Amino acid sequence: MFETVRDDLRTTLDEIRSAGLHKPERVIGTPQNAAVAVTSGGTAGEVLNFCANNYLGLADHPEVVAAAKDALDRWGYGMASVRFICGTQEVHKELEARLSAFLGQEDTILYSSCFDANGGVFETILGAEDAVISDALNHASIIDGIRLSKARRFRYANRDMAELETRLKEATEGGARRKLIVTDGVFSMDGYVAPLQEICDLAERYGAMVMVDDSHAVGFVGPGGRGTPELHGVMDRVDIITGTLGKALGGASGGYVAARAEIVELLRQRSRPYLFSNSLAPVIAAASLKVLDLLESAGDLRERLAANTALFRTKMTEAGFEILPGDHAIAPVMIGDAAEAGRMAGLLLERGVYVIGFSYPVVPMGAARIRVQLSAAHSTADVERAVAAFIDARAALGTAGA
């Protein structure tokens, strides 16, 4: 039977490659940092890394690594269990309490990933008599989580407050018992920041709750690095925050939901990804606690990241590249054609700059881009070298096209 399926799958894979949509995995042979050694993918050797979520450069921080090593000795390697059976250690509860205090929420629950966190929220707190109103550009994990829920679904155009209000009116007039607005804090493919103050205003006007996935903000956005709710002054008005430990907060894995106490307690009782997935490895929990310690004095890292971001965006714009507007460390260089984005990423790798071309279905058809992600680990010279490589790769791409 599989031979027939094999032919179909091969045809689909050939179509993906011919459309320039194939996503190869390059292998690196070093720890995550501003520079990494690529050991496969057509180019070998050390290259500048401009495609990681290592915003604060903590993925290989010596104090984080040391905390992880100490945790292995104290807590062991893994729990071999889910939380409610025998998978909860003191280190898990300590991390949940620290995250709650840091994010200004009443309680926090840990998940194995933020994808699981988003997958476990909606079906737990919303039923068929409820409504969820989602930004059109929300992360795939939010979309999939909503699909698991029986709630009535509404969608509004990215950051369009007029359309959000229209959807809230429709949900209200439809008799929704509970209404939940959900948005990314920062939209990962564009670097755009959600207008949380306006969202919270509308939520209060129409009796809705607010949920924010702040994966691309916590640690470095806002005066204290507490994310987009802090940036917009609405920390006390957001009901649910989901996020990851796998980006600015050390870059390993794991996710969380920080929310009102009753929401977290219900998630502990009924959230399927929490109840049926192994506990977060204690080594990650312990290292994440060290990251939170470091964030208390990480103002210099946030300032360096902001300076690198401003430099890259300014230099690239002056060089004639189209970059989506904003000041976030996600700086999408718009290409348009998927195959061309892939070729340009390859040319940049040859010039010592590791980036990835993003195309459909990750971004809309015809909106392919190279998403550059700045880090506090980058030096000014690293940023300037990346800009020079873009200019050189563009010239080489034009010559090849001619």
Protein backbone atom coordinates (compact mmCIF):
# COMPACT_ATOMS: atom_id res chain seq x y z
CA MET A 1 0.00 0.00 0.00
CA PHE A 2 2.73 2.48 0.95
CA GLU A 3 4.35 2.29 -2.51
CA THR A 4 1.35 4.17 -3.94
CA VAL A 5 1.54 6.70 -1.12
CA ARG A 6 5.30 7.00 -1.61
CA ASP A 7 4.85 8.10 -5.22
CA ASP A 8 2.29 10.72 -4.16
CA LEU A 9 4.55 12.05 -1.43
CA ARG A 10 7.53 12.23 -3.77
CA THR A 11 5.42 14.18 -6.26
CA THR A 12 4.43 16.63 -3.53
CA LEU A 13 8.05 17.02 -2.41
CA ASP A 14 9.17 17.63 -6.01
CA GLU A 15 6.51 20.34 -6.34
CA ILE A 16 7.76 21.99 -3.15
CA ARG A 17 11.34 22.00 -4.45
CA SER A 18 10.41 23.26 -7.92
CA ALA A 19 8.43 26.13 -6.39
CA GLY A 20 11.46 27.17 -4.35
CA LEU A 21 9.64 26.38 -1.11
CA HIS A 22 11.88 23.60 0.15
CA LYS A 23 13.29 24.24 3.62
CA PRO A 24 16.69 22.54 4.05
CA GLU A 25 18.13 22.04 7.51
CA ARG A 26 21.69 23.21 7.92
CA VAL A 27 23.71 21.60 10.71
CA ILE A 28 25.85 23.66 13.06
CA GLY A 29 28.71 22.15 15.04
CA THR A 30 29.07 24.75 17.79
CA PRO A 31 26.98 26.23 20.61
CA GLN A 32 24.44 28.85 19.64
CA ASN A 33 26.10 32.27 19.51
CA ALA A 34 26.66 35.32 17.33
CA ALA A 35 28.94 33.16 15.18
CA VAL A 36 28.45 29.45 14.55
CA ALA A 37 30.23 26.76 12.56
CA VAL A 38 28.10 25.33 9.76
CA THR A 39 28.98 21.69 9.03
CA SER A 40 26.48 21.00 6.23
CA GLY A 41 24.31 22.74 3.68
CA GLY A 42 26.86 23.60 1.01
CA THR A 43 29.12 25.86 3.06
CA ALA A 44 31.43 24.84 5.88
CA GLY A 45 33.18 27.05 8.40
CA GLU A 46 32.30 29.80 10.85
CA VAL A 47 29.57 32.22 9.82
CA LEU A 48 27.76 35.11 11.49
CA ASN A 49 24.41 33.96 12.81
CA PHE A 50 21.55 36.35 12.05
CA CYS A 51 18.65 33.92 12.18
CA ALA A 52 18.43 32.76 15.81
CA ASN A 53 15.99 33.91 18.50
CA ASN A 54 18.97 34.46 20.81
CA TYR A 55 18.01 38.08 21.37
CA LEU A 56 20.05 38.70 24.53
CA GLY A 57 22.89 36.34 23.67
CA LEU A 58 22.18 34.13 26.70
CA ALA A 59 22.03 30.75 24.93
CA ASP A 60 25.72 30.13 25.68
CA HIS A 61 26.13 32.45 28.66
CA PRO A 62 28.65 30.90 31.08
CA GLU A 63 26.46 31.48 34.15
CA VAL A 64 23.48 29.82 32.46
CA VAL A 65 25.62 26.85 31.39
CA ALA A 66 27.03 26.55 34.92
CA ALA A 67 23.53 26.60 36.42
CA ALA A 68 22.50 23.83 34.04
CA LYS A 69 25.49 21.69 35.02
CA ASP A 70 24.77 22.17 38.72
CA ALA A 71 21.12 21.26 38.14
CA LEU A 72 22.07 17.94 36.55
CA ASP A 73 23.85 16.96 39.74
CA ARG A 74 21.08 18.16 42.04
CA TRP A 75 17.88 17.37 40.14
CA GLY A 76 18.88 14.71 37.61
CA TYR A 77 18.31 14.57 33.86
CA GLY A 78 14.57 14.09 33.39
CA MET A 79 11.36 13.46 35.31
CA ALA A 80 10.01 10.48 33.32
CA SER A 81 6.53 11.58 34.32
CA VAL A 82 3.85 14.18 33.90
CA ARG A 83 3.38 16.87 36.51
CA PHE A 84 0.37 15.56 38.42
CA ILE A 85 1.73 12.03 38.86
CA CYS A 86 5.32 12.41 40.07
CA GLY A 87 6.80 15.01 37.75
CA THR A 88 6.84 18.12 39.93
CA GLN A 89 10.03 19.18 41.69
CA GLU A 90 10.74 22.23 43.81
CA VAL A 91 12.59 23.78 40.88
CA HIS A 92 9.41 23.71 38.76
CA LYS A 93 7.38 25.51 41.42
CA GLU A 94 10.15 28.04 41.98
CA LEU A 95 10.30 28.87 38.28
CA GLU A 96 6.52 29.26 38.09
CA ALA A 97 6.57 31.66 41.03
CA ARG A 98 9.45 33.67 39.57
CA LEU A 99 7.75 33.97 36.18
CA SER A 100 4.51 35.10 37.84
CA ALA A 101 6.32 37.84 39.73
CA PHE A 102 8.35 38.90 36.70
CA LEU A 103 5.31 39.12 34.41
CA GLY A 104 2.97 40.63 37.00
CA GLN A 105 0.51 37.73 36.91
CA GLU A 106 -1.12 35.77 39.74
CA ASP A 107 0.13 32.31 38.76
CA THR A 108 2.06 30.45 36.06
CA ILE A 109 1.96 26.93 34.65
CA LEU A 110 4.87 25.38 32.72
CA TYR A 111 4.55 23.44 29.46
CA SER A 112 7.05 21.54 27.34
CA SER A 113 6.78 24.29 24.69
CA CYS A 114 4.81 27.45 23.98
CA PHE A 115 3.17 25.56 21.12
CA ASP A 116 1.75 23.22 23.77
CA ALA A 117 0.84 26.16 26.00
CA ASN A 118 -1.21 27.75 23.22
CA GLY A 119 -2.62 24.34 22.35
CA GLY A 120 -3.88 23.85 25.89
CA VAL A 121 -5.59 27.15 26.67
CA PHE A 122 -8.58 27.56 24.38
CA GLU A 123 -10.37 24.22 24.72
CA THR A 124 -9.89 24.40 28.49
CA ILE A 125 -11.47 27.79 29.18
CA LEU A 126 -13.83 28.21 26.19
CA GLY A 127 -16.87 26.18 25.18
CA ALA A 128 -19.38 26.17 22.34
CA GLU A 129 -21.23 29.12 23.89
CA ASP A 130 -18.09 31.29 23.86
CA ALA A 131 -16.18 33.31 21.24
CA VAL A 132 -12.51 33.79 20.44
CA ILE A 133 -11.39 36.78 18.36
CA SER A 134 -7.95 36.28 16.80
CA ASP A 135 -5.54 38.50 14.88
CA ALA A 136 -5.11 37.26 11.30
CA LEU A 137 -1.33 37.03 11.65
CA ASN A 138 -1.23 35.13 14.92
CA HIS A 139 1.27 32.30 15.32
CA ALA A 140 0.41 28.84 14.01
CA SER A 141 0.22 27.49 17.56
CA ILE A 142 -2.59 29.92 18.37
CA ILE A 143 -4.44 28.96 15.21
CA ASP A 144 -4.10 25.26 16.00
CA GLY A 145 -5.09 25.81 19.62
CA ILE A 146 -8.24 27.62 18.56
CA ARG A 147 -9.12 24.74 16.23
CA LEU A 148 -9.18 22.40 19.23
CA SER A 149 -11.81 24.56 20.87
CA LYS A 150 -15.55 24.44 20.21
CA ALA A 151 -15.78 28.22 20.63
CA ARG A 152 -17.14 30.36 17.82
CA ARG A 153 -14.22 31.84 15.88
CA PHE A 154 -13.74 35.39 14.66
CA ARG A 155 -10.72 36.87 12.90
CA TYR A 156 -9.65 40.49 12.40
CA ALA A 157 -7.03 41.95 10.07
CA ASN A 158 -3.60 42.43 11.57
CA ARG A 159 -3.70 45.19 14.22
CA ASP A 160 -6.94 46.59 12.73
CA MET A 161 -8.81 47.96 15.72
CA ALA A 162 -11.89 48.96 13.73
CA GLU A 163 -12.32 45.40 12.51
CA LEU A 164 -11.63 44.03 15.98
CA GLU A 165 -14.46 46.15 17.33
CA THR A 166 -16.76 44.90 14.57
CA ARG A 167 -15.94 41.29 15.51
CA LEU A 168 -16.52 42.04 19.20
CA LYS A 169 -19.94 43.48 18.36
CA GLU A 170 -20.78 40.38 16.33
CA ALA A 171 -19.73 38.08 19.16
CA THR A 172 -21.71 40.11 21.67
CA GLU A 173 -24.82 40.25 19.50
CA GLY A 174 -24.44 36.50 18.94
CA GLY A 175 -24.88 35.94 22.65
CA ALA A 176 -21.35 34.80 23.47
CA ARG A 177 -21.01 33.91 27.14
CA ARG A 178 -17.26 34.57 27.25
CA LYS A 179 -15.20 36.53 24.75
CA LEU A 180 -11.43 36.20 24.42
CA ILE A 181 -9.25 38.43 22.26
CA VAL A 182 -5.94 36.76 21.39
CA THR A 183 -2.92 38.35 19.74
CA ASP A 184 0.79 37.94 19.35
CA GLY A 185 2.64 40.60 21.30
CA VAL A 186 5.15 40.77 18.44
CA PHE A 187 4.31 39.17 15.10
CA SER A 188 7.21 36.88 14.35
CA MET A 189 7.38 37.24 10.57
CA ASP A 190 7.01 41.03 10.50
CA GLY A 191 8.39 42.41 13.76
CA TYR A 192 5.20 44.42 14.24
CA VAL A 193 4.05 45.09 17.82
CA ALA A 194 0.40 44.65 18.77
CA PRO A 195 -1.43 47.81 19.96
CA LEU A 196 -2.23 46.38 23.38
CA GLN A 197 -3.55 49.56 24.94
CA GLU A 198 -6.24 49.88 22.27
CA ILE A 199 -6.97 46.15 22.48
CA CYS A 200 -7.43 46.36 26.24
CA ASP A 201 -9.69 49.40 25.85
CA LEU A 202 -11.93 47.49 23.45
CA ALA A 203 -11.87 44.41 25.67
CA GLU A 204 -13.12 46.41 28.64
CA ARG A 205 -15.78 48.09 26.51
CA TYR A 206 -17.17 44.75 25.32
CA GLY A 207 -16.50 42.61 28.39
CA ALA A 208 -13.78 40.46 26.83
CA MET A 209 -10.62 38.87 28.19
CA VAL A 210 -7.21 39.51 26.60
CA MET A 211 -4.55 36.89 25.82
CA VAL A 212 -1.08 37.73 24.49
CA ASP A 213 1.57 35.34 23.14
CA ASP A 214 4.68 37.33 24.04
CA SER A 215 7.32 34.86 22.89
CA HIS A 216 9.22 37.42 20.81
CA ALA A 217 9.21 40.12 23.50
CA VAL A 218 9.72 38.80 27.03
CA GLY A 219 13.25 39.45 28.19
CA PHE A 220 14.04 42.49 26.06
CA VAL A 221 10.91 44.51 25.19
CA GLY A 222 9.73 47.06 27.74
CA PRO A 223 11.78 49.03 30.28
CA GLY A 224 12.35 45.95 32.44
CA GLY A 225 12.18 43.35 29.68
CA ARG A 226 8.72 42.20 30.77
CA GLY A 227 7.33 42.28 27.26
CA THR A 228 4.68 44.13 25.32
CA PRO A 229 2.21 44.54 28.23
CA GLU A 230 4.93 46.45 30.10
CA LEU A 231 5.82 48.41 26.96
CA HIS A 232 2.22 49.59 26.62
CA GLY A 233 1.53 49.99 30.36
CA VAL A 234 -1.20 47.30 30.48
CA MET A 235 0.38 44.61 32.65
CA ASP A 236 -2.63 44.68 34.98
CA ARG A 237 -5.14 44.55 32.10
CA VAL A 238 -3.92 41.43 30.26
CA ASP A 239 -5.55 38.25 31.55
CA ILE A 240 -3.36 35.58 29.94
CA ILE A 241 0.27 35.70 28.79
CA THR A 242 1.84 32.77 27.00
CA GLY A 243 5.51 32.59 26.17
CA THR A 244 8.60 30.52 25.68
CA LEU A 245 11.84 29.81 27.47
CA GLY A 246 13.35 29.04 24.06
CA LYS A 247 14.07 32.52 22.75
CA ALA A 248 15.44 35.44 24.80
CA LEU A 249 15.16 33.48 28.06
CA GLY A 250 18.12 31.21 27.40
CA GLY A 251 17.06 29.66 24.12
CA ALA A 252 16.48 26.07 25.30
CA SER A 253 12.86 24.89 25.27
CA GLY A 254 9.73 25.04 27.36
CA GLY A 255 6.75 27.33 27.53
CA TYR A 256 4.34 28.79 30.05
CA VAL A 257 0.96 30.35 30.66
CA ALA A 258 0.99 33.22 33.18
CA ALA A 259 -2.53 34.30 34.02
CA ARG A 260 -5.24 34.90 36.57
CA ALA A 261 -5.05 32.30 39.34
CA GLU A 262 -8.33 30.60 38.47
CA ILE A 263 -7.33 30.20 34.82
CA VAL A 264 -4.03 28.55 35.77
CA GLU A 265 -5.73 26.24 38.26
CA LEU A 266 -8.23 25.09 35.64
CA LEU A 267 -5.38 24.49 33.19
CA ARG A 268 -3.68 22.26 35.78
CA GLN A 269 -6.87 20.22 36.01
CA ARG A 270 -7.93 19.98 32.36
CA SER A 271 -5.29 21.18 29.91
CA ARG A 272 -4.40 18.13 27.84
CA PRO A 273 -0.85 19.11 26.76
CA TYR A 274 -0.05 19.67 30.46
CA LEU A 275 -1.73 16.52 31.75
CA PHE A 276 -0.34 14.18 29.09
CA SER A 277 3.19 15.50 28.41
CA ASN A 278 6.32 14.89 30.45
CA SER A 279 7.44 17.63 32.80
CA LEU A 280 9.88 20.25 31.62
CA ALA A 281 13.39 18.90 32.21
CA PRO A 282 14.66 20.17 35.59
CA VAL A 283 17.93 21.31 34.04
CA ILE A 284 15.98 23.76 31.84
CA ALA A 285 13.92 25.00 34.78
CA ALA A 286 17.05 25.65 36.84
CA ALA A 287 18.89 27.37 34.01
CA SER A 288 15.81 29.53 33.35
CA LEU A 289 15.92 30.69 36.98
CA LYS A 290 19.48 31.86 36.38
CA VAL A 291 18.30 33.71 33.27
CA LEU A 292 15.70 35.54 35.36
CA ASP A 293 18.49 36.50 37.78
CA LEU A 294 20.50 37.90 34.87
CA LEU A 295 17.52 39.86 33.55
CA GLU A 296 17.51 41.94 36.72
CA SER A 297 20.75 43.56 35.53
CA ALA A 298 20.40 43.09 31.78
CA GLY A 299 19.82 46.72 30.88
CA ASP A 300 23.12 46.85 29.01
CA LEU A 301 22.16 43.81 26.93
CA ARG A 302 18.82 45.36 26.00
CA GLU A 303 20.56 48.62 25.07
CA ARG A 304 23.10 46.78 22.92
CA LEU A 305 20.33 44.86 21.16
CA ALA A 306 18.46 48.11 20.48
CA ALA A 307 21.62 49.75 19.10
CA ASN A 308 22.38 46.78 16.82
CA THR A 309 18.80 46.76 15.58
CA ALA A 310 18.79 50.48 14.81
CA LEU A 311 22.14 50.24 13.02
CA PHE A 312 21.07 47.34 10.82
CA ARG A 313 17.72 48.84 9.92
CA THR A 314 19.27 52.23 9.10
CA LYS A 315 22.16 50.87 7.02
CA MET A 316 19.96 48.47 5.07
CA THR A 317 17.38 51.16 4.31
CA GLU A 318 20.13 53.52 3.14
CA ALA A 319 21.38 50.72 0.87
CA GLY A 320 17.98 50.53 -0.79
CA PHE A 321 16.58 47.35 0.78
CA GLU A 322 12.93 47.15 1.76
CA ILE A 323 12.58 46.41 5.46
CA LEU A 324 9.23 46.33 7.17
CA PRO A 325 8.99 49.38 9.46
CA GLY A 326 9.51 49.20 13.20
CA ASP A 327 12.22 49.00 15.81
CA HIS A 328 12.02 45.35 16.83
CA ALA A 329 15.03 43.02 16.53
CA ILE A 330 13.11 41.08 13.88
CA ALA A 331 14.04 42.93 10.68
CA PRO A 332 12.39 41.32 7.63
CA VAL A 333 14.19 42.07 4.36
CA MET A 334 11.43 41.79 1.75
CA ILE A 335 12.25 39.86 -1.42
CA GLY A 336 8.86 38.81 -2.82
CA ASP A 337 9.71 35.77 -4.92
CA ALA A 338 10.26 32.58 -2.91
CA ALA A 339 12.95 31.10 -5.13
CA GLU A 340 14.86 34.40 -5.19
CA ALA A 341 14.73 34.61 -1.40
CA GLY A 342 16.19 31.12 -1.18
CA ARG A 343 18.96 31.93 -3.64
CA MET A 344 19.84 35.11 -1.82
CA ALA A 345 20.04 33.27 1.51
CA GLY A 346 22.44 30.83 -0.15
CA LEU A 347 24.59 33.65 -1.50
CA LEU A 348 24.70 35.24 1.94
CA LEU A 349 25.82 31.97 3.50
CA GLU A 350 28.66 31.82 0.97
CA ARG A 351 29.64 35.29 2.19
CA GLY A 352 29.68 34.22 5.82
CA VAL A 353 26.22 35.35 6.95
CA TYR A 354 23.73 32.71 8.04
CA VAL A 355 20.11 33.73 7.38
CA ILE A 356 17.00 31.93 6.19
CA GLY A 357 14.59 32.74 3.38
CA PHE A 358 10.95 32.49 4.49
CA SER A 359 8.26 31.69 1.99
CA TYR A 360 4.76 30.21 1.75
CA PRO A 361 3.14 28.74 3.83
CA VAL A 362 5.14 30.44 6.62
CA VAL A 363 4.39 33.84 5.03
CA PRO A 364 1.77 34.79 2.41
CA MET A 365 2.36 33.80 -1.20
CA GLY A 366 4.43 36.47 -2.96
CA ALA A 367 5.71 37.96 0.30
CA ALA A 368 8.91 35.93 0.68
CA ARG A 369 11.57 37.52 2.82
CA ILE A 370 14.80 37.02 4.67
CA ARG A 371 14.07 37.47 8.34
CA VAL A 372 17.14 38.95 10.01
CA GLN A 373 17.23 38.69 13.79
CA LEU A 374 19.62 40.87 15.73
CA SER A 375 21.22 39.84 19.02
CA ALA A 376 23.00 41.58 21.85
CA ALA A 377 25.81 39.10 21.13
CA HIS A 378 26.52 40.81 17.80
CA SER A 379 29.21 43.47 17.63
CA THR A 380 28.94 46.64 15.55
CA ALA A 381 31.44 45.08 13.13
CA ASP A 382 29.20 42.00 12.83
CA VAL A 383 26.22 44.15 11.86
CA GLU A 384 28.20 46.16 9.32
CA ARG A 385 29.61 42.96 7.82
CA ALA A 386 26.09 41.59 7.43
CA VAL A 387 24.95 44.74 5.59
CA ALA A 388 27.96 44.53 3.27
CA ALA A 389 27.17 40.88 2.56
CA PHE A 390 23.57 41.77 1.64
CA ILE A 391 24.79 44.40 -0.79
CA ASP A 392 27.27 42.00 -2.37
CA ALA A 393 24.74 39.15 -2.56
CA ARG A 394 22.18 41.43 -4.22
CA ALA A 395 24.75 42.35 -6.89
CA ALA A 396 25.59 38.68 -7.46
CA LEU A 397 21.90 37.76 -7.65
CA GLY A 398 21.33 40.48 -10.24
CA THR A 399 24.24 39.26 -12.33
CA ALA A 400 22.97 35.69 -12.20
CA GLY A 401 19.49 36.82 -13.18
CA ALA A 402 20.83 38.74 -16.18
